[in-house]
Every structure is written in C-alpha cells, then in structure tokens.
C-alpha cells in the first residue's frame, strides 16, 4: 500500500533503541550532533547515521549554524502515525461492536 509508505520509515526508525533514545533526548530540547554522540557514547559517524534515518522519517530536523549541526524534534512529529493508528483503532472497535451485537443476537436465539 503506497499510501502508507511513511509508516515503514517511521516504525523502522523507532525499531532501534538508540533512535528512540535520541528522540527522547531531543524531546527535552535541541542538541548538537556532538552532544548526542557524547551522550550515547558513539562516534560522530555512527550518530549521524541514526540522525539521518530519523530525519528521513520526518521525526528530526537538523540545521547547520557555522560548523555546528543542531538537531531538534520535527514539526508535527507522529501526526500521520497517530492518524493511522486512530483509524486502525476505529476499524477494530467497529469489528468488536459487530461481534458483540452478533453474540447478543445468538444468545437471545438460544
């Protein structure tokens, strides 16, 4: 389903504990790539790969000021994912409601 390709990037990015940690850290405020590398005991190359995946998924925005790259949580992060989850939840709840109605009908018939 092409319309949900963004979920692959989002859930793929969230599948890694380091990337979840980066998001949690950036939730407290912006940080430089170097700060994140230090906090996560990683090389700059390693942390940049994680940040790139988060950026590709639209969860993190980076901005270069001089020689320093700053990272922050992206705008409307998780909006599309939450909308998808909500629609999926509504579908499941409707199915459960129909099942409940069916069980009530069959119980009365017996």
PDB file of N, CA and C in Angstrom:
ATOM      1  N   UNK A   1       0.839  -1.176   0.000  1.00  0.00           N
ATOM      2  CA  UNK A   1       0.000   0.000   0.000  1.00  0.00           C
ATOM      3  C   UNK A   1       0.887   1.244   0.000  1.00  0.00           C
ATOM      4  N   UNK A   2       0.972   1.883  -1.112  1.00  0.00           N
ATOM      5  CA  UNK A   2       1.831   3.030  -1.281  1.00  0.00           C
ATOM      6  C   UNK A   2       1.450   4.167  -0.331  1.00  0.00           C
ATOM      7  N   UNK A   3       0.174   4.310  -0.034  1.00  0.00           N
ATOM      8  CA  UNK A   3      -0.254   5.432   0.801  1.00  0.00           C
ATOM      9  C   UNK A   3       0.280   5.361   2.224  1.00  0.00           C
ATOM     10  N   UNK A   4       0.773   4.212   2.638  1.00  0.00           N
ATOM     11  CA  UNK A   4       1.287   4.067   3.990  1.00  0.00           C
ATOM     12  C   UNK A   4       2.793   3.835   4.035  1.00  0.00           C
ATOM     13  N   UNK A   5       3.511   4.195   2.979  1.00  0.00           N
ATOM     14  CA  UNK A   5       4.962   4.010   2.952  1.00  0.00           C
ATOM     15  C   UNK A   5       5.648   4.742   4.090  1.00  0.00           C
ATOM     16  N   UNK A   6       5.078   5.863   4.513  1.00  0.00           N
ATOM     17  CA  UNK A   6       5.691   6.629   5.597  1.00  0.00           C
ATOM     18  C   UNK A   6       5.768   5.810   6.873  1.00  0.00           C
ATOM     19  N   UNK A   7       4.868   4.854   7.038  1.00  0.00           N
ATOM     20  CA  UNK A   7       4.893   4.008   8.236  1.00  0.00           C
ATOM     21  C   UNK A   7       6.144   3.136   8.272  1.00  0.00           C
ATOM     22  N   UNK A   8       6.597   2.684   7.112  1.00  0.00           N
ATOM     23  CA  UNK A   8       7.819   1.877   7.067  1.00  0.00           C
ATOM     24  C   UNK A   8       8.994   2.667   7.617  1.00  0.00           C
ATOM     25  N   UNK A   9       9.130   3.910   7.168  1.00  0.00           N
ATOM     26  CA  UNK A   9      10.229   4.752   7.640  1.00  0.00           C
ATOM     27  C   UNK A   9      10.069   5.075   9.117  1.00  0.00           C
ATOM     28  N   UNK A  10       8.852   5.392   9.529  1.00  0.00           N
ATOM     29  CA  UNK A  10       8.603   5.771  10.923  1.00  0.00           C
ATOM     30  C   UNK A  10       8.855   4.611  11.871  1.00  0.00           C
ATOM     31  N   UNK A  11       8.214   3.489  11.604  1.00  0.00           N
ATOM     32  CA  UNK A  11       8.361   2.358  12.522  1.00  0.00           C
ATOM     33  C   UNK A  11       9.756   1.743  12.420  1.00  0.00           C
ATOM     34  N   UNK A  12      10.366   1.832  11.247  1.00  0.00           N
ATOM     35  CA  UNK A  12      11.750   1.380  11.110  1.00  0.00           C
ATOM     36  C   UNK A  12      12.687   2.232  11.957  1.00  0.00           C
ATOM     37  N   UNK A  13      12.453   3.533  11.944  1.00  0.00           N
ATOM     38  CA  UNK A  13      13.280   4.428  12.754  1.00  0.00           C
ATOM     39  C   UNK A  13      13.063   4.161  14.243  1.00  0.00           C
ATOM     40  N   UNK A  14      11.836   3.877  14.623  1.00  0.00           N
ATOM     41  CA  UNK A  14      11.523   3.630  16.032  1.00  0.00           C
ATOM     42  C   UNK A  14      11.939   2.244  16.515  1.00  0.00           C
ATOM     43  N   UNK A  15      12.300   1.371  15.592  1.00  0.00           N
ATOM     44  CA  UNK A  15      12.662  -0.003  15.957  1.00  0.00           C
ATOM     45  C   UNK A  15      13.984  -0.083  16.709  1.00  0.00           C
ATOM     46  N   UNK A  16      14.793   0.947  16.603  1.00  0.00           N
ATOM     47  CA  UNK A  16      16.112   0.919  17.215  1.00  0.00           C
ATOM     48  C   UNK A  16      16.105   1.677  18.546  1.00  0.00           C
ATOM     49  N   UNK A  17      16.611   1.067  19.623  1.00  0.00           N
ATOM     50  CA  UNK A  17      16.592   1.737  20.930  1.00  0.00           C
ATOM     51  C   UNK A  17      17.422   3.016  20.975  1.00  0.00           C
ATOM     52  N   UNK A  18      18.499   3.078  20.210  1.00  0.00           N
ATOM     53  CA  UNK A  18      19.301   4.308  20.186  1.00  0.00           C
ATOM     54  C   UNK A  18      18.500   5.451  19.585  1.00  0.00           C
ATOM     55  N   UNK A  19      17.791   5.179  18.504  1.00  0.00           N
ATOM     56  CA  UNK A  19      16.995   6.242  17.877  1.00  0.00           C
ATOM     57  C   UNK A  19      15.843   6.668  18.780  1.00  0.00           C
ATOM     58  N   UNK A  20      15.243   5.721  19.476  1.00  0.00           N
ATOM     59  CA  UNK A  20      14.197   6.105  20.443  1.00  0.00           C
ATOM     60  C   UNK A  20      14.806   6.977  21.540  1.00  0.00           C
ATOM     61  N   UNK A  21      16.011   6.638  21.966  1.00  0.00           N
ATOM     62  CA  UNK A  21      16.704   7.441  22.970  1.00  0.00           C
ATOM     63  C   UNK A  21      17.011   8.840  22.470  1.00  0.00           C
ATOM     64  N   UNK A  22      17.413   8.943  21.218  1.00  0.00           N
ATOM     65  CA  UNK A  22      17.685  10.259  20.629  1.00  0.00           C
ATOM     66  C   UNK A  22      16.417  11.098  20.623  1.00  0.00           C
ATOM     67  N   UNK A  23      15.298  10.490  20.223  1.00  0.00           N
ATOM     68  CA  UNK A  23      14.032  11.229  20.225  1.00  0.00           C
ATOM     69  C   UNK A  23      13.656  11.677  21.634  1.00  0.00           C
ATOM     70  N   UNK A  24      13.856  10.789  22.588  1.00  0.00           N
ATOM     71  CA  UNK A  24      13.551  11.142  23.977  1.00  0.00           C
ATOM     72  C   UNK A  24      14.427  12.310  24.424  1.00  0.00           C
ATOM     73  N   UNK A  25      15.710  12.243  24.088  1.00  0.00           N
ATOM     74  CA  UNK A  25      16.626  13.320  24.461  1.00  0.00           C
ATOM     75  C   UNK A  25      16.240  14.627  23.790  1.00  0.00           C
ATOM     76  N   UNK A  26      15.914  14.580  22.503  1.00  0.00           N
ATOM     77  CA  UNK A  26      15.536  15.798  21.795  1.00  0.00           C
ATOM     78  C   UNK A  26      14.184  16.324  22.259  1.00  0.00           C
ATOM     79  N   UNK A  27      13.388  15.484  22.855  1.00  0.00           N
ATOM     80  CA  UNK A  27      12.131  15.934  23.437  1.00  0.00           C
ATOM     81  C   UNK A  27      12.352  16.902  24.588  1.00  0.00           C
ATOM     82  N   UNK A  28      13.525  16.848  25.183  1.00  0.00           N
ATOM     83  CA  UNK A  28      13.863  17.770  26.275  1.00  0.00           C
ATOM     84  C   UNK A  28      14.480  19.063  25.750  1.00  0.00           C
ATOM     85  N   UNK A  29      14.817  19.090  24.455  1.00  0.00           N
ATOM     86  CA  UNK A  29      15.388  20.290  23.862  1.00  0.00           C
ATOM     87  C   UNK A  29      16.395  19.953  22.790  1.00  0.00           C
ATOM     88  N   UNK A  30      16.723  20.943  21.949  1.00  0.00           N
ATOM     89  CA  UNK A  30      17.679  20.723  20.861  1.00  0.00           C
ATOM     90  C   UNK A  30      19.052  20.317  21.388  1.00  0.00           C
ATOM     91  N   UNK A  31      19.823  19.679  20.534  1.00  0.00           N
ATOM     92  CA  UNK A  31      21.187  19.268  20.884  1.00  0.00           C
ATOM     93  C   UNK A  31      22.026  19.257  19.619  1.00  0.00           C
ATOM     94  N   UNK A  32      23.306  19.393  19.795  1.00  0.00           N
ATOM     95  CA  UNK A  32      24.208  19.286  18.650  1.00  0.00           C
ATOM     96  C   UNK A  32      24.501  17.810  18.388  1.00  0.00           C
ATOM     97  N   UNK A  33      24.963  17.531  17.194  1.00  0.00           N
ATOM     98  CA  UNK A  33      25.348  16.166  16.842  1.00  0.00           C
ATOM     99  C   UNK A  33      26.443  15.689  17.791  1.00  0.00           C
ATOM    100  N   UNK A  34      27.387  16.553  18.086  1.00  0.00           N
ATOM    101  CA  UNK A  34      28.485  16.190  19.002  1.00  0.00           C
ATOM    102  C   UNK A  34      27.963  15.873  20.399  1.00  0.00           C
ATOM    103  N   UNK A  35      27.013  16.674  20.876  1.00  0.00           N
ATOM    104  CA  UNK A  35      26.425  16.407  22.194  1.00  0.00           C
ATOM    105  C   UNK A  35      25.750  15.035  22.220  1.00  0.00           C
ATOM    106  N   UNK A  36      25.011  14.731  21.155  1.00  0.00           N
ATOM    107  CA  UNK A  36      24.323  13.439  21.085  1.00  0.00           C
ATOM    108  C   UNK A  36      25.327  12.293  21.021  1.00  0.00           C
ATOM    109  N   UNK A  37      26.400  12.475  20.252  1.00  0.00           N
ATOM    110  CA  UNK A  37      27.429  11.434  20.156  1.00  0.00           C
ATOM    111  C   UNK A  37      28.029  11.174  21.533  1.00  0.00           C
ATOM    112  N   UNK A  38      28.294  12.234  22.271  1.00  0.00           N
ATOM    113  CA  UNK A  38      28.841  12.075  23.627  1.00  0.00           C
ATOM    114  C   UNK A  38      27.845  11.383  24.548  1.00  0.00           C
ATOM    115  N   UNK A  39      26.592  11.838  24.517  1.00  0.00           N
ATOM    116  CA  UNK A  39      25.571  11.272  25.404  1.00  0.00           C
ATOM    117  C   UNK A  39      25.332   9.791  25.149  1.00  0.00           C
ATOM    118  N   UNK A  40      25.448   9.382  23.885  1.00  0.00           N
ATOM    119  CA  UNK A  40      25.178   7.992  23.531  1.00  0.00           C
ATOM    120  C   UNK A  40      26.464   7.184  23.341  1.00  0.00           C
ATOM    121  N   UNK A  41      27.590   7.785  23.704  1.00  0.00           N
ATOM    122  CA  UNK A  41      28.895   7.111  23.603  1.00  0.00           C
ATOM    123  C   UNK A  41      29.099   6.498  22.219  1.00  0.00           C
ATOM    124  N   UNK A  42      28.893   7.313  21.205  1.00  0.00           N
ATOM    125  CA  UNK A  42      29.027   6.861  19.821  1.00  0.00           C
ATOM    126  C   UNK A  42      29.986   7.777  19.078  1.00  0.00           C
ATOM    127  N   UNK A  43      30.469   7.283  17.957  1.00  0.00           N
ATOM    128  CA  UNK A  43      31.273   8.124  17.077  1.00  0.00           C
ATOM    129  C   UNK A  43      30.347   9.107  16.367  1.00  0.00           C
ATOM    130  N   UNK A  44      30.916  10.169  15.839  1.00  0.00           N
ATOM    131  CA  UNK A  44      30.111  11.129  15.070  1.00  0.00           C
ATOM    132  C   UNK A  44      29.470  10.452  13.865  1.00  0.00           C
ATOM    133  N   UNK A  45      30.227   9.576  13.203  1.00  0.00           N
ATOM    134  CA  UNK A  45      29.689   8.865  12.036  1.00  0.00           C
ATOM    135  C   UNK A  45      28.496   8.001  12.430  1.00  0.00           C
ATOM    136  N   UNK A  46      28.606   7.296  13.537  1.00  0.00           N
ATOM    137  CA  UNK A  46      27.519   6.433  13.992  1.00  0.00           C
ATOM    138  C   UNK A  46      26.270   7.209  14.344  1.00  0.00           C
ATOM    139  N   UNK A  47      26.429   8.299  15.081  1.00  0.00           N
ATOM    140  CA  UNK A  47      25.252   9.072  15.490  1.00  0.00           C
ATOM    141  C   UNK A  47      24.619   9.765  14.292  1.00  0.00           C
ATOM    142  N   UNK A  48      25.463  10.187  13.325  1.00  0.00           N
ATOM    143  CA  UNK A  48      24.925  10.832  12.121  1.00  0.00           C
ATOM    144  C   UNK A  48      24.033   9.880  11.328  1.00  0.00           C
ATOM    145  N   UNK A  49      24.388   8.607  11.295  1.00  0.00           N
ATOM    146  CA  UNK A  49      23.556   7.624  10.591  1.00  0.00           C
ATOM    147  C   UNK A  49      22.192   7.502  11.252  1.00  0.00           C
ATOM    148  N   UNK A  50      22.180   7.479  12.571  1.00  0.00           N
ATOM    149  CA  UNK A  50      20.903   7.411  13.293  1.00  0.00           C
ATOM    150  C   UNK A  50      20.076   8.671  13.049  1.00  0.00           C
ATOM    151  N   UNK A  51      20.736   9.809  13.119  1.00  0.00           N
ATOM    152  CA  UNK A  51      20.030  11.076  12.907  1.00  0.00           C
ATOM    153  C   UNK A  51      19.479  11.147  11.489  1.00  0.00           C
ATOM    154  N   UNK A  52      20.230  10.667  10.514  1.00  0.00           N
ATOM    155  CA  UNK A  52      19.770  10.692   9.121  1.00  0.00           C
ATOM    156  C   UNK A  52      18.495   9.858   8.955  1.00  0.00           C
ATOM    157  N   UNK A  53      18.448   8.691   9.572  1.00  0.00           N
ATOM    158  CA  UNK A  53      17.240   7.859   9.493  1.00  0.00           C
ATOM    159  C   UNK A  53      16.048   8.562  10.138  1.00  0.00           C
ATOM    160  N   UNK A  54      16.286   9.197  11.275  1.00  0.00           N
ATOM    161  CA  UNK A  54      15.212   9.944  11.943  1.00  0.00           C
ATOM    162  C   UNK A  54      14.777  11.140  11.108  1.00  0.00           C
ATOM    163  N   UNK A  55      15.731  11.771  10.454  1.00  0.00           N
ATOM    164  CA  UNK A  55      15.420  12.914   9.595  1.00  0.00           C
ATOM    165  C   UNK A  55      14.626  12.460   8.372  1.00  0.00           C
ATOM    166  N   UNK A  56      15.029  11.341   7.779  1.00  0.00           N
ATOM    167  CA  UNK A  56      14.306  10.792   6.623  1.00  0.00           C
ATOM    168  C   UNK A  56      12.868  10.439   6.974  1.00  0.00           C
ATOM    169  N   UNK A  57      12.648  10.038   8.218  1.00  0.00           N
ATOM    170  CA  UNK A  57      11.299   9.690   8.671  1.00  0.00           C
ATOM    171  C   UNK A  57      10.507  10.920   9.098  1.00  0.00           C
ATOM    172  N   UNK A  58      11.124  12.095   9.052  1.00  0.00           N
ATOM    173  CA  UNK A  58      10.431  13.328   9.405  1.00  0.00           C
ATOM    174  C   UNK A  58      10.307  13.565  10.906  1.00  0.00           C
ATOM    175  N   UNK A  59      11.083  12.838  11.680  1.00  0.00           N
ATOM    176  CA  UNK A  59      10.989  12.955  13.126  1.00  0.00           C
ATOM    177  C   UNK A  59      11.973  13.964  13.704  1.00  0.00           C
ATOM    178  N   UNK A  60      13.061  14.204  12.987  1.00  0.00           N
ATOM    179  CA  UNK A  60      14.107  15.108  13.443  1.00  0.00           C
ATOM    180  C   UNK A  60      14.429  16.084  12.325  1.00  0.00           C
ATOM    181  N   UNK A  61      14.719  17.312  12.720  1.00  0.00           N
ATOM    182  CA  UNK A  61      15.146  18.346  11.784  1.00  0.00           C
ATOM    183  C   UNK A  61      16.542  18.786  12.222  1.00  0.00           C
ATOM    184  N   UNK A  62      17.432  18.917  11.257  1.00  0.00           N
ATOM    185  CA  UNK A  62      18.772  19.407  11.580  1.00  0.00           C
ATOM    186  C   UNK A  62      18.995  20.743  10.887  1.00  0.00           C
ATOM    187  N   UNK A  63      19.858  21.529  11.509  1.00  0.00           N
ATOM    188  CA  UNK A  63      20.173  22.844  10.963  1.00  0.00           C
ATOM    189  C   UNK A  63      21.644  23.126  11.250  1.00  0.00           C
ATOM    190  N   UNK A  64      22.351  23.543  10.217  1.00  0.00           N
ATOM    191  CA  UNK A  64      23.775  23.829  10.382  1.00  0.00           C
ATOM    192  C   UNK A  64      23.949  25.325  10.638  1.00  0.00           C
ATOM    193  N   UNK A  65      24.619  25.627  11.739  1.00  0.00           N
ATOM    194  CA  UNK A  65      24.957  27.020  12.074  1.00  0.00           C
ATOM    195  C   UNK A  65      26.474  27.084  12.221  1.00  0.00           C
ATOM    196  N   UNK A  66      27.101  27.710  11.252  1.00  0.00           N
ATOM    197  CA  UNK A  66      28.565  27.728  11.238  1.00  0.00           C
ATOM    198  C   UNK A  66      29.080  26.330  11.002  1.00  0.00           C
ATOM    199  N   UNK A  67      29.879  25.839  11.943  1.00  0.00           N
ATOM    200  CA  UNK A  67      30.434  24.496  11.814  1.00  0.00           C
ATOM    201  C   UNK A  67      29.667  23.471  12.660  1.00  0.00           C
ATOM    202  N   UNK A  68      28.596  23.912  13.288  1.00  0.00           N
ATOM    203  CA  UNK A  68      27.865  23.047  14.220  1.00  0.00           C
ATOM    204  C   UNK A  68      26.497  22.694  13.657  1.00  0.00           C
ATOM    205  N   UNK A  69      26.137  21.412  13.725  1.00  0.00           N
ATOM    206  CA  UNK A  69      24.825  20.949  13.282  1.00  0.00           C
ATOM    207  C   UNK A  69      23.959  20.684  14.510  1.00  0.00           C
ATOM    208  N   UNK A  70      22.813  21.366  14.546  1.00  0.00           N
ATOM    209  CA  UNK A  70      21.860  21.231  15.641  1.00  0.00           C
ATOM    210  C   UNK A  70      20.714  20.329  15.223  1.00  0.00           C
ATOM    211  N   UNK A  71      20.214  19.563  16.171  1.00  0.00           N
ATOM    212  CA  UNK A  71      19.100  18.649  15.927  1.00  0.00           C
ATOM    213  C   UNK A  71      17.950  19.018  16.863  1.00  0.00           C
ATOM    214  N   UNK A  72      16.735  18.878  16.348  1.00  0.00           N
ATOM    215  CA  UNK A  72      15.546  19.082  17.178  1.00  0.00           C
ATOM    216  C   UNK A  72      14.430  18.186  16.660  1.00  0.00           C
ATOM    217  N   UNK A  73      13.428  18.021  17.477  1.00  0.00           N
ATOM    218  CA  UNK A  73      12.256  17.237  17.079  1.00  0.00           C
ATOM    219  C   UNK A  73      11.575  17.952  15.913  1.00  0.00           C
ATOM    220  N   UNK A  74      11.111  17.183  14.943  1.00  0.00           N
ATOM    221  CA  UNK A  74      10.454  17.763  13.781  1.00  0.00           C
ATOM    222  C   UNK A  74       9.067  18.287  14.108  1.00  0.00           C
ATOM    223  N   UNK A  75       8.562  19.185  13.266  1.00  0.00           N
ATOM    224  CA  UNK A  75       7.215  19.710  13.476  1.00  0.00           C
ATOM    225  C   UNK A  75       6.180  18.614  13.210  1.00  0.00           C
ATOM    226  N   UNK A  76       5.160  18.608  13.995  1.00  0.00           N
ATOM    227  CA  UNK A  76       4.059  17.641  13.832  1.00  0.00           C
ATOM    228  C   UNK A  76       4.557  16.195  13.827  1.00  0.00           C
ATOM    229  N   UNK A  77       5.582  15.927  14.623  1.00  0.00           N
ATOM    230  CA  UNK A  77       6.109  14.569  14.683  1.00  0.00           C
ATOM    231  C   UNK A  77       5.005  13.627  15.149  1.00  0.00           C
ATOM    232  N   UNK A  78       4.851  12.530  14.494  1.00  0.00           N
ATOM    233  CA  UNK A  78       3.886  11.476  14.782  1.00  0.00           C
ATOM    234  C   UNK A  78       2.440  11.823  14.422  1.00  0.00           C
ATOM    235  N   UNK A  79       2.182  12.945  13.791  1.00  0.00           N
ATOM    236  CA  UNK A  79       0.808  13.287  13.418  1.00  0.00           C
ATOM    237  C   UNK A  79       0.227  12.254  12.451  1.00  0.00           C
ATOM    238  N   UNK A  80       0.972  11.932  11.400  1.00  0.00           N
ATOM    239  CA  UNK A  80       0.471  10.956  10.416  1.00  0.00           C
ATOM    240  C   UNK A  80       0.342   9.580  11.037  1.00  0.00           C
ATOM    241  N   UNK A  81       1.319   9.219  11.864  1.00  0.00           N
ATOM    242  CA  UNK A  81       1.288   7.908  12.504  1.00  0.00           C
ATOM    243  C   UNK A  81       0.100   7.804  13.461  1.00  0.00           C
ATOM    244  N   UNK A  82      -0.144   8.856  14.213  1.00  0.00           N
ATOM    245  CA  UNK A  82      -1.270   8.852  15.151  1.00  0.00           C
ATOM    246  C   UNK A  82      -2.604   8.787  14.398  1.00  0.00           C
ATOM    247  N   UNK A  83      -2.690   9.485  13.292  1.00  0.00           N
ATOM    248  CA  UNK A  83      -3.918   9.426  12.480  1.00  0.00           C
ATOM    249  C   UNK A  83      -4.139   8.010  11.964  1.00  0.00           C
ATOM    250  N   UNK A  84      -3.067   7.350  11.513  1.00  0.00           N
ATOM    251  CA  UNK A  84      -3.200   5.975  11.033  1.00  0.00           C
ATOM    252  C   UNK A  84      -3.617   5.043  12.169  1.00  0.00           C
ATOM    253  N   UNK A  85      -2.972   5.198  13.321  1.00  0.00           N
ATOM    254  CA  UNK A  85      -3.318   4.359  14.475  1.00  0.00           C
ATOM    255  C   UNK A  85      -4.768   4.579  14.891  1.00  0.00           C
ATOM    256  N   UNK A  86      -5.223   5.822  14.875  1.00  0.00           N
ATOM    257  CA  UNK A  86      -6.598   6.120  15.253  1.00  0.00           C
ATOM    258  C   UNK A  86      -7.587   5.481  14.277  1.00  0.00           C
ATOM    259  N   UNK A  87      -7.305   5.551  12.979  1.00  0.00           N
ATOM    260  CA  UNK A  87      -8.218   4.938  12.005  1.00  0.00           C
ATOM    261  C   UNK A  87      -8.227   3.423  12.169  1.00  0.00           C
ATOM    262  N   UNK A  88      -7.069   2.845  12.442  1.00  0.00           N
ATOM    263  CA  UNK A  88      -6.981   1.402  12.661  1.00  0.00           C
ATOM    264  C   UNK A  88      -7.749   1.011  13.925  1.00  0.00           C
ATOM    265  N   UNK A  89      -7.625   1.820  14.964  1.00  0.00           N
ATOM    266  CA  UNK A  89      -8.343   1.561  16.216  1.00  0.00           C
ATOM    267  C   UNK A  89      -9.855   1.624  15.990  1.00  0.00           C
ATOM    268  N   UNK A  90     -10.300   2.611  15.240  1.00  0.00           N
ATOM    269  CA  UNK A  90     -11.730   2.724  14.953  1.00  0.00           C
ATOM    270  C   UNK A  90     -12.243   1.504  14.199  1.00  0.00           C
ATOM    271  N   UNK A  91     -11.450   1.007  13.242  1.00  0.00           N
ATOM    272  CA  UNK A  91     -11.837  -0.177  12.488  1.00  0.00           C
ATOM    273  C   UNK A  91     -11.966  -1.387  13.424  1.00  0.00           C
ATOM    274  N   UNK A  92     -10.990  -1.563  14.306  1.00  0.00           N
ATOM    275  CA  UNK A  92     -11.032  -2.693  15.239  1.00  0.00           C
ATOM    276  C   UNK A  92     -12.198  -2.571  16.219  1.00  0.00           C
ATOM    277  N   UNK A  93     -12.455  -1.365  16.701  1.00  0.00           N
ATOM    278  CA  UNK A  93     -13.580  -1.168  17.610  1.00  0.00           C
ATOM    279  C   UNK A  93     -14.910  -1.458  16.920  1.00  0.00           C
ATOM    280  N   UNK A  94     -15.041  -1.082  15.653  1.00  0.00           N
ATOM    281  CA  UNK A  94     -16.263  -1.372  14.900  1.00  0.00           C
ATOM    282  C   UNK A  94     -16.440  -2.881  14.746  1.00  0.00           C
ATOM    283  N   UNK A  95     -15.359  -3.591  14.494  1.00  0.00           N
ATOM    284  CA  UNK A  95     -15.435  -5.054  14.394  1.00  0.00           C
ATOM    285  C   UNK A  95     -15.869  -5.680  15.720  1.00  0.00           C
ATOM    286  N   UNK A  96     -15.300  -5.178  16.804  1.00  0.00           N
ATOM    287  CA  UNK A  96     -15.660  -5.703  18.122  1.00  0.00           C
ATOM    288  C   UNK A  96     -17.118  -5.402  18.452  1.00  0.00           C
ATOM    289  N   UNK A  97     -17.596  -4.224  18.067  1.00  0.00           N
ATOM    290  CA  UNK A  97     -19.008  -3.881  18.281  1.00  0.00           C
ATOM    291  C   UNK A  97     -19.913  -4.841  17.511  1.00  0.00           C
ATOM    292  N   UNK A  98     -19.553  -5.128  16.250  1.00  0.00           N
ATOM    293  CA  UNK A  98     -20.361  -6.060  15.450  1.00  0.00           C
ATOM    294  C   UNK A  98     -20.334  -7.463  16.058  1.00  0.00           C
ATOM    295  N   UNK A  99     -19.181  -7.878  16.563  1.00  0.00           N
ATOM    296  CA  UNK A  99     -19.079  -9.179  17.210  1.00  0.00           C
ATOM    297  C   UNK A  99     -19.963  -9.215  18.457  1.00  0.00           C
ATOM    298  N   UNK A 100     -19.940  -8.150  19.248  1.00  0.00           N
ATOM    299  CA  UNK A 100     -20.778  -8.075  20.437  1.00  0.00           C
ATOM    300  C   UNK A 100     -22.256  -8.154  20.093  1.00  0.00           C
ATOM    301  N   UNK A 101     -22.649  -7.441  19.042  1.00  0.00           N
ATOM    302  CA  UNK A 101     -24.047  -7.494  18.600  1.00  0.00           C
ATOM    303  C   UNK A 101     -24.419  -8.902  18.147  1.00  0.00           C
ATOM    304  N   UNK A 102     -23.532  -9.560  17.412  1.00  0.00           N
ATOM    305  CA  UNK A 102     -23.777 -10.923  16.948  1.00  0.00           C
ATOM    306  C   UNK A 102     -23.942 -11.871  18.135  1.00  0.00           C
ATOM    307  N   UNK A 103     -23.054 -11.747  19.108  1.00  0.00           N
ATOM    308  CA  UNK A 103     -23.131 -12.628  20.282  1.00  0.00           C
ATOM    309  C   UNK A 103     -24.411 -12.399  21.065  1.00  0.00           C
ATOM    310  N   UNK A 104     -24.845 -11.169  21.175  1.00  0.00           N
ATOM    311  CA  UNK A 104     -26.102 -10.888  21.866  1.00  0.00           C
ATOM    312  C   UNK A 104     -27.285 -11.494  21.114  1.00  0.00           C
ATOM    313  N   UNK A 105     -27.290 -11.360  19.792  1.00  0.00           N
ATOM    314  CA  UNK A 105     -28.379 -11.923  18.981  1.00  0.00           C
ATOM    315  C   UNK A 105     -28.426 -13.441  19.122  1.00  0.00           C
ATOM    316  N   UNK A 106     -27.268 -14.083  19.008  1.00  0.00           N
ATOM    317  CA  UNK A 106     -27.254 -15.549  19.073  1.00  0.00           C
ATOM    318  C   UNK A 106     -27.575 -16.040  20.475  1.00  0.00           C
ATOM    319  N   UNK A 107     -27.219 -15.282  21.495  1.00  0.00           N
ATOM    320  CA  UNK A 107     -27.547 -15.664  22.871  1.00  0.00           C
ATOM    321  C   UNK A 107     -29.057 -15.627  23.089  1.00  0.00           C
ATOM    322  N   UNK A 108     -29.717 -14.642  22.524  1.00  0.00           N
ATOM    323  CA  UNK A 108     -31.166 -14.497  22.665  1.00  0.00           C
ATOM    324  C   UNK A 108     -31.900 -15.584  21.873  1.00  0.00           C
ATOM    325  N   UNK A 109     -31.295 -16.047  20.787  1.00  0.00           N
ATOM    326  CA  UNK A 109     -31.920 -17.066  19.959  1.00  0.00           C
ATOM    327  C   UNK A 109     -31.879 -18.438  20.629  1.00  0.00           C
ATOM    328  N   UNK A 110     -30.937 -18.614  21.530  1.00  0.00           N
ATOM    329  CA  UNK A 110     -30.811 -19.935  22.159  1.00  0.00           C
ATOM    330  C   UNK A 110     -31.742 -19.991  23.286  1.00  0.00           C
TER     331      UNK A 110
END
